[in-house]
Structures are given as structure tokens and as C-alpha cells.
Amino acid sequence: MFPRFAAVMAFVGVCAFPHVAAAQDTQDTRTSSIAASVAANPVQFGDDQAPSPIREFRGDRRWTTPVLISLQAATVVTQMLDVHSTLKAVNAGGVEANPVMGGLVQNKAAFIGVKAGISAGAIYMTQRVARDNKVAAIAASAAINSAFLMVARHNYRVAQGLR
């Protein structure tokens, strides 16, 4: 279980900090060349159409997609499943194996708060990644959800075995 979880977290770390080659180029040269070409060759519109505004390069791109929104909503659901399964396993006599979360499990409010923070952090991270690379954000969100679904599945099996 741990090698798979470590591999997923390594993948998420790589996706969280993508190297963007476009960051090496100055954006002023790209936008000024676009603005110069539009100014030199104005577009002719009909009488009933208004001229379109000049948009900055990459300024009109949306950072999100329906798939990413669905995966981010699923992140909240998987965290809730993890909370439910962990509390069910602990109530059945199990022990929290994660040393960081071990003390928090006894205080339900703190445990739920930390899990909500993890959800918010994962969603924020995927939003930041999506601004540069939507595919990496979708893959990272899917990997995070898969990892926490595996944890919840394990917790439910432990709880069932302890009954």
C-alpha cells in the first residue's frame, strides 16, 4: 500500500510544480506583435457588428473545465469518505496508522477540520496547476482522489474485519 501511495504523491508533486517553457519568453513581445498586426490590418465588420476588443495573449483562456470541477467536487467526497471510514474503523477497535492523524482522530472536530483543509488545499493546488496545464491538473486531481479512495476502502475493510 505505501509504495503505491508514495508513487501517487510523487506524481502529484511533479504535477504541482510544472516547468512552463513560456515563462522564459517575455509576454510583452508576444502581445505587442499581436497588437501591431491587428492595428496594421484592421478587421472590417458589418454595420450591425461592433469591433471585437483586442485580448491579451492567454488572457481569455479559462482555467477550468467541467471535468476538473467534477474531480474537485469528488475530492471533497473522497475526504468525507475517508473521515467516515476512519471513524468507523476506530470505533470498531482499529488504530489510526498515520502518526500525523493519530492524535486528531480522538477529536472529531479537529479531524474533520484538517480533512476539510486537505480538501481545500488539493482544490487550490489543482486550480493553480490548471492555469498552466489543465491535463496535469486533471491527472493530479484524479490521483489524489484515487489515493484517498484506496485509503477509505482499506479503512472500511478493517472496520468490517473487526466486527
C-alpha atoms as a PDB file:
ATOM      1  CA  MET A   1       0.000   0.000   0.000  1.00  0.00           C
ATOM      2  CA  PHE A   2       2.717   2.503   0.944  1.00  0.00           C
ATOM      3  CA  PRO A   3       4.739   2.202  -2.306  1.00  0.00           C
ATOM      4  CA  ARG A   4       1.606   2.929  -4.343  1.00  0.00           C
ATOM      5  CA  PHE A   5       0.713   5.884  -2.131  1.00  0.00           C
ATOM      6  CA  ALA A   6       4.271   7.227  -2.371  1.00  0.00           C
ATOM      7  CA  ALA A   7       4.195   6.908  -6.145  1.00  0.00           C
ATOM      8  CA  VAL A   8       0.885   8.771  -6.312  1.00  0.00           C
ATOM      9  CA  MET A   9       2.190  11.547  -4.059  1.00  0.00           C
ATOM     10  CA  ALA A  10       5.373  11.833  -6.147  1.00  0.00           C
ATOM     11  CA  PHE A  11       3.234  12.164  -9.270  1.00  0.00           C
ATOM     12  CA  VAL A  12       1.132  14.839  -7.595  1.00  0.00           C
ATOM     13  CA  GLY A  13       4.300  16.709  -6.584  1.00  0.00           C
ATOM     14  CA  VAL A  14       5.592  16.660 -10.132  1.00  0.00           C
ATOM     15  CA  CYS A  15       2.255  17.915 -11.431  1.00  0.00           C
ATOM     16  CA  ALA A  16       2.074  20.625  -8.775  1.00  0.00           C
ATOM     17  CA  PHE A  17       5.248  22.316  -9.962  1.00  0.00           C
ATOM     18  CA  PRO A  18       5.297  22.090 -13.751  1.00  0.00           C
ATOM     19  CA  HIS A  19       8.048  23.858 -15.639  1.00  0.00           C
ATOM     20  CA  VAL A  20       6.450  26.232 -18.055  1.00  0.00           C
ATOM     21  CA  ALA A  21       8.655  26.998 -21.042  1.00  0.00           C
ATOM     22  CA  ALA A  22       6.553  30.007 -21.946  1.00  0.00           C
ATOM     23  CA  ALA A  23       7.665  31.677 -18.733  1.00  0.00           C
ATOM     24  CA  GLN A  24      11.069  32.214 -20.331  1.00  0.00           C
ATOM     25  CA  ASP A  25       9.584  34.353 -23.106  1.00  0.00           C
ATOM     26  CA  THR A  26       8.580  37.887 -22.369  1.00  0.00           C
ATOM     27  CA  GLN A  27       4.872  38.288 -22.741  1.00  0.00           C
ATOM     28  CA  ASP A  28       5.256  41.898 -23.915  1.00  0.00           C
ATOM     29  CA  THR A  29       6.859  40.820 -27.202  1.00  0.00           C
ATOM     30  CA  ARG A  30       4.062  38.353 -27.927  1.00  0.00           C
ATOM     31  CA  THR A  31       1.212  40.724 -27.085  1.00  0.00           C
ATOM     32  CA  SER A  32       2.822  43.704 -28.811  1.00  0.00           C
ATOM     33  CA  SER A  33       3.311  41.708 -32.019  1.00  0.00           C
ATOM     34  CA  ILE A  34      -0.335  40.629 -31.922  1.00  0.00           C
ATOM     35  CA  ALA A  35      -1.479  44.188 -31.248  1.00  0.00           C
ATOM     36  CA  ALA A  36       0.754  45.523 -34.057  1.00  0.00           C
ATOM     37  CA  SER A  37      -0.630  43.032 -36.585  1.00  0.00           C
ATOM     38  CA  VAL A  38      -4.214  43.853 -35.604  1.00  0.00           C
ATOM     39  CA  ALA A  39      -3.517  47.594 -35.825  1.00  0.00           C
ATOM     40  CA  ALA A  40      -1.864  47.223 -39.256  1.00  0.00           C
ATOM     41  CA  ASN A  41      -4.673  45.045 -40.645  1.00  0.00           C
ATOM     42  CA  PRO A  42      -7.975  46.181 -39.095  1.00  0.00           C
ATOM     43  CA  VAL A  43     -10.842  43.762 -39.410  1.00  0.00           C
ATOM     44  CA  GLN A  44     -13.827  45.036 -41.368  1.00  0.00           C
ATOM     45  CA  PHE A  45     -17.164  44.316 -39.727  1.00  0.00           C
ATOM     46  CA  GLY A  46     -20.665  44.830 -40.973  1.00  0.00           C
ATOM     47  CA  ASP A  47     -22.758  47.753 -39.809  1.00  0.00           C
ATOM     48  CA  ASP A  48     -24.623  45.696 -37.219  1.00  0.00           C
ATOM     49  CA  GLN A  49     -21.449  44.240 -35.638  1.00  0.00           C
ATOM     50  CA  ALA A  50     -19.248  46.008 -33.150  1.00  0.00           C
ATOM     51  CA  PRO A  51     -15.485  45.634 -33.486  1.00  0.00           C
ATOM     52  CA  SER A  52     -14.054  42.925 -31.259  1.00  0.00           C
ATOM     53  CA  PRO A  53     -11.733  44.028 -28.463  1.00  0.00           C
ATOM     54  CA  ILE A  54      -8.061  43.118 -28.599  1.00  0.00           C
ATOM     55  CA  ARG A  55      -7.429  40.499 -25.974  1.00  0.00           C
ATOM     56  CA  GLU A  56      -4.149  39.905 -24.245  1.00  0.00           C
ATOM     57  CA  PHE A  57      -2.312  36.722 -25.118  1.00  0.00           C
ATOM     58  CA  ARG A  58      -3.707  33.874 -22.955  1.00  0.00           C
ATOM     59  CA  GLY A  59      -5.879  36.396 -21.148  1.00  0.00           C
ATOM     60  CA  ASP A  60      -9.160  34.973 -22.364  1.00  0.00           C
ATOM     61  CA  ARG A  61      -8.393  31.309 -21.614  1.00  0.00           C
ATOM     62  CA  ARG A  62     -10.498  29.700 -18.945  1.00  0.00           C
ATOM     63  CA  TRP A  63      -8.543  27.850 -16.279  1.00  0.00           C
ATOM     64  CA  THR A  64     -11.196  25.270 -15.548  1.00  0.00           C
ATOM     65  CA  THR A  65     -13.168  22.589 -17.329  1.00  0.00           C
ATOM     66  CA  PRO A  66     -16.265  20.588 -16.340  1.00  0.00           C
ATOM     67  CA  VAL A  67     -14.056  17.543 -15.797  1.00  0.00           C
ATOM     68  CA  LEU A  68     -11.804  19.416 -13.373  1.00  0.00           C
ATOM     69  CA  ILE A  69     -14.781  20.842 -11.495  1.00  0.00           C
ATOM     70  CA  SER A  70     -16.224  17.331 -11.152  1.00  0.00           C
ATOM     71  CA  LEU A  71     -12.918  15.958  -9.905  1.00  0.00           C
ATOM     72  CA  GLN A  72     -12.600  18.794  -7.397  1.00  0.00           C
ATOM     73  CA  ALA A  73     -16.089  18.047  -6.097  1.00  0.00           C
ATOM     74  CA  ALA A  74     -15.093  14.388  -5.899  1.00  0.00           C
ATOM     75  CA  THR A  75     -12.094  15.445  -3.785  1.00  0.00           C
ATOM     76  CA  VAL A  76     -14.484  16.717  -1.123  1.00  0.00           C
ATOM     77  CA  VAL A  77     -16.494  13.495  -1.320  1.00  0.00           C
ATOM     78  CA  THR A  78     -13.402  11.283  -1.031  1.00  0.00           C
ATOM     79  CA  GLN A  79     -12.237  13.238   2.020  1.00  0.00           C
ATOM     80  CA  MET A  80     -15.662  12.757   3.628  1.00  0.00           C
ATOM     81  CA  LEU A  81     -15.453   9.032   2.845  1.00  0.00           C
ATOM     82  CA  ASP A  82     -12.012   8.943   4.443  1.00  0.00           C
ATOM     83  CA  VAL A  83     -13.327  10.659   7.579  1.00  0.00           C
ATOM     84  CA  HIS A  84     -16.327   8.307   7.806  1.00  0.00           C
ATOM     85  CA  SER A  85     -14.297   5.169   7.189  1.00  0.00           C
ATOM     86  CA  THR A  86     -11.553   6.180   9.617  1.00  0.00           C
ATOM     87  CA  LEU A  87     -14.005   6.963  12.415  1.00  0.00           C
ATOM     88  CA  LYS A  88     -15.890   3.728  11.722  1.00  0.00           C
ATOM     89  CA  ALA A  89     -12.660   1.698  11.909  1.00  0.00           C
ATOM     90  CA  VAL A  90     -11.516   3.453  15.099  1.00  0.00           C
ATOM     91  CA  ASN A  91     -14.919   2.910  16.737  1.00  0.00           C
ATOM     92  CA  ALA A  92     -14.686  -0.788  15.823  1.00  0.00           C
ATOM     93  CA  GLY A  93     -11.361  -1.020  17.655  1.00  0.00           C
ATOM     94  CA  GLY A  94      -8.877  -0.130  14.952  1.00  0.00           C
ATOM     95  CA  VAL A  95      -5.915   2.198  15.309  1.00  0.00           C
ATOM     96  CA  GLU A  96      -5.021   5.092  13.024  1.00  0.00           C
ATOM     97  CA  ALA A  97      -1.820   4.067  11.249  1.00  0.00           C
ATOM     98  CA  ASN A  98      -0.910   7.599  10.149  1.00  0.00           C
ATOM     99  CA  PRO A  99       1.140   9.108  13.004  1.00  0.00           C
ATOM    100  CA  VAL A 100       0.220  12.660  11.956  1.00  0.00           C
ATOM    101  CA  MET A 101      -3.507  11.959  12.123  1.00  0.00           C
ATOM    102  CA  GLY A 102      -3.328   9.561  15.076  1.00  0.00           C
ATOM    103  CA  GLY A 103      -3.912  12.218  17.733  1.00  0.00           C
ATOM    104  CA  LEU A 104      -6.513  14.053  15.696  1.00  0.00           C
ATOM    105  CA  VAL A 105      -8.809  11.056  15.330  1.00  0.00           C
ATOM    106  CA  GLN A 106      -9.780  11.280  19.006  1.00  0.00           C
ATOM    107  CA  ASN A 107     -11.051  14.847  18.456  1.00  0.00           C
ATOM    108  CA  LYS A 108     -13.660  14.558  15.701  1.00  0.00           C
ATOM    109  CA  ALA A 109     -13.994  18.304  15.097  1.00  0.00           C
ATOM    110  CA  ALA A 110     -10.241  18.757  14.660  1.00  0.00           C
ATOM    111  CA  PHE A 111     -10.036  15.685  12.445  1.00  0.00           C
ATOM    112  CA  ILE A 112     -12.855  16.899  10.198  1.00  0.00           C
ATOM    113  CA  GLY A 113     -11.298  20.375  10.103  1.00  0.00           C
ATOM    114  CA  VAL A 114      -7.924  19.027   8.994  1.00  0.00           C
ATOM    115  CA  LYS A 115      -9.559  16.881   6.326  1.00  0.00           C
ATOM    116  CA  ALA A 116     -11.511  19.932   5.101  1.00  0.00           C
ATOM    117  CA  GLY A 117      -8.204  21.813   4.944  1.00  0.00           C
ATOM    118  CA  ILE A 118      -6.677  18.982   2.930  1.00  0.00           C
ATOM    119  CA  SER A 119      -9.618  19.169   0.518  1.00  0.00           C
ATOM    120  CA  ALA A 120      -9.284  22.926   0.176  1.00  0.00           C
ATOM    121  CA  GLY A 121      -5.521  22.632  -0.335  1.00  0.00           C
ATOM    122  CA  ALA A 122      -5.919  19.979  -3.014  1.00  0.00           C
ATOM    123  CA  ILE A 123      -8.534  22.037  -4.838  1.00  0.00           C
ATOM    124  CA  TYR A 124      -6.401  25.182  -4.622  1.00  0.00           C
ATOM    125  CA  MET A 125      -3.356  23.290  -5.901  1.00  0.00           C
ATOM    126  CA  THR A 126      -5.236  21.852  -8.867  1.00  0.00           C
ATOM    127  CA  GLN A 127      -6.610  25.299  -9.723  1.00  0.00           C
ATOM    128  CA  ARG A 128      -3.110  26.760  -9.741  1.00  0.00           C
ATOM    129  CA  VAL A 129      -1.799  23.930 -11.890  1.00  0.00           C
ATOM    130  CA  ALA A 130      -4.773  24.241 -14.262  1.00  0.00           C
ATOM    131  CA  ARG A 131      -3.789  27.784 -15.188  1.00  0.00           C
ATOM    132  CA  ASP A 132      -0.731  26.404 -16.965  1.00  0.00           C
ATOM    133  CA  ASN A 133      -1.604  22.782 -17.665  1.00  0.00           C
ATOM    134  CA  LYS A 134      -5.190  21.524 -17.490  1.00  0.00           C
ATOM    135  CA  VAL A 135      -4.237  17.930 -18.244  1.00  0.00           C
ATOM    136  CA  ALA A 136      -1.767  17.842 -15.346  1.00  0.00           C
ATOM    137  CA  ALA A 137      -4.384  19.336 -13.026  1.00  0.00           C
ATOM    138  CA  ILE A 138      -6.927  16.713 -14.052  1.00  0.00           C
ATOM    139  CA  ALA A 139      -4.370  13.933 -13.617  1.00  0.00           C
ATOM    140  CA  ALA A 140      -3.289  15.247 -10.219  1.00  0.00           C
ATOM    141  CA  SER A 141      -6.875  15.553  -9.024  1.00  0.00           C
ATOM    142  CA  ALA A 142      -7.655  12.037 -10.227  1.00  0.00           C
ATOM    143  CA  ALA A 143      -4.536  10.714  -8.491  1.00  0.00           C
ATOM    144  CA  ILE A 144      -5.428  12.430  -5.217  1.00  0.00           C
ATOM    145  CA  ASN A 145      -8.962  11.068  -5.371  1.00  0.00           C
ATOM    146  CA  SER A 146      -7.700   7.568  -6.186  1.00  0.00           C
ATOM    147  CA  ALA A 147      -5.276   7.623  -3.264  1.00  0.00           C
ATOM    148  CA  PHE A 148      -7.925   8.652  -0.757  1.00  0.00           C
ATOM    149  CA  LEU A 149     -10.418   6.159  -2.187  1.00  0.00           C
ATOM    150  CA  MET A 150      -7.858   3.396  -1.609  1.00  0.00           C
ATOM    151  CA  VAL A 151      -7.404   4.608   1.981  1.00  0.00           C
ATOM    152  CA  ALA A 152     -11.173   4.684   2.569  1.00  0.00           C
ATOM    153  CA  ARG A 153     -11.572   1.211   1.062  1.00  0.00           C
ATOM    154  CA  HIS A 154      -8.851  -0.108   3.353  1.00  0.00           C
ATOM    155  CA  ASN A 155     -10.488   1.529   6.391  1.00  0.00           C
ATOM    156  CA  TYR A 156     -13.873   0.011   5.589  1.00  0.00           C
ATOM    157  CA  ARG A 157     -12.295  -3.442   5.248  1.00  0.00           C
ATOM    158  CA  VAL A 158     -10.542  -3.019   8.601  1.00  0.00           C
ATOM    159  CA  ALA A 159     -13.799  -1.940  10.245  1.00  0.00           C
ATOM    160  CA  GLN A 160     -15.636  -4.913   8.743  1.00  0.00           C
ATOM    161  CA  GLY A 161     -12.949  -7.310   9.909  1.00  0.00           C
ATOM    162  CA  LEU A 162     -13.048  -6.020  13.486  1.00  0.00           C
ATOM    163  CA  ARG A 163     -16.798  -6.531  13.951  1.00  0.00           C
END
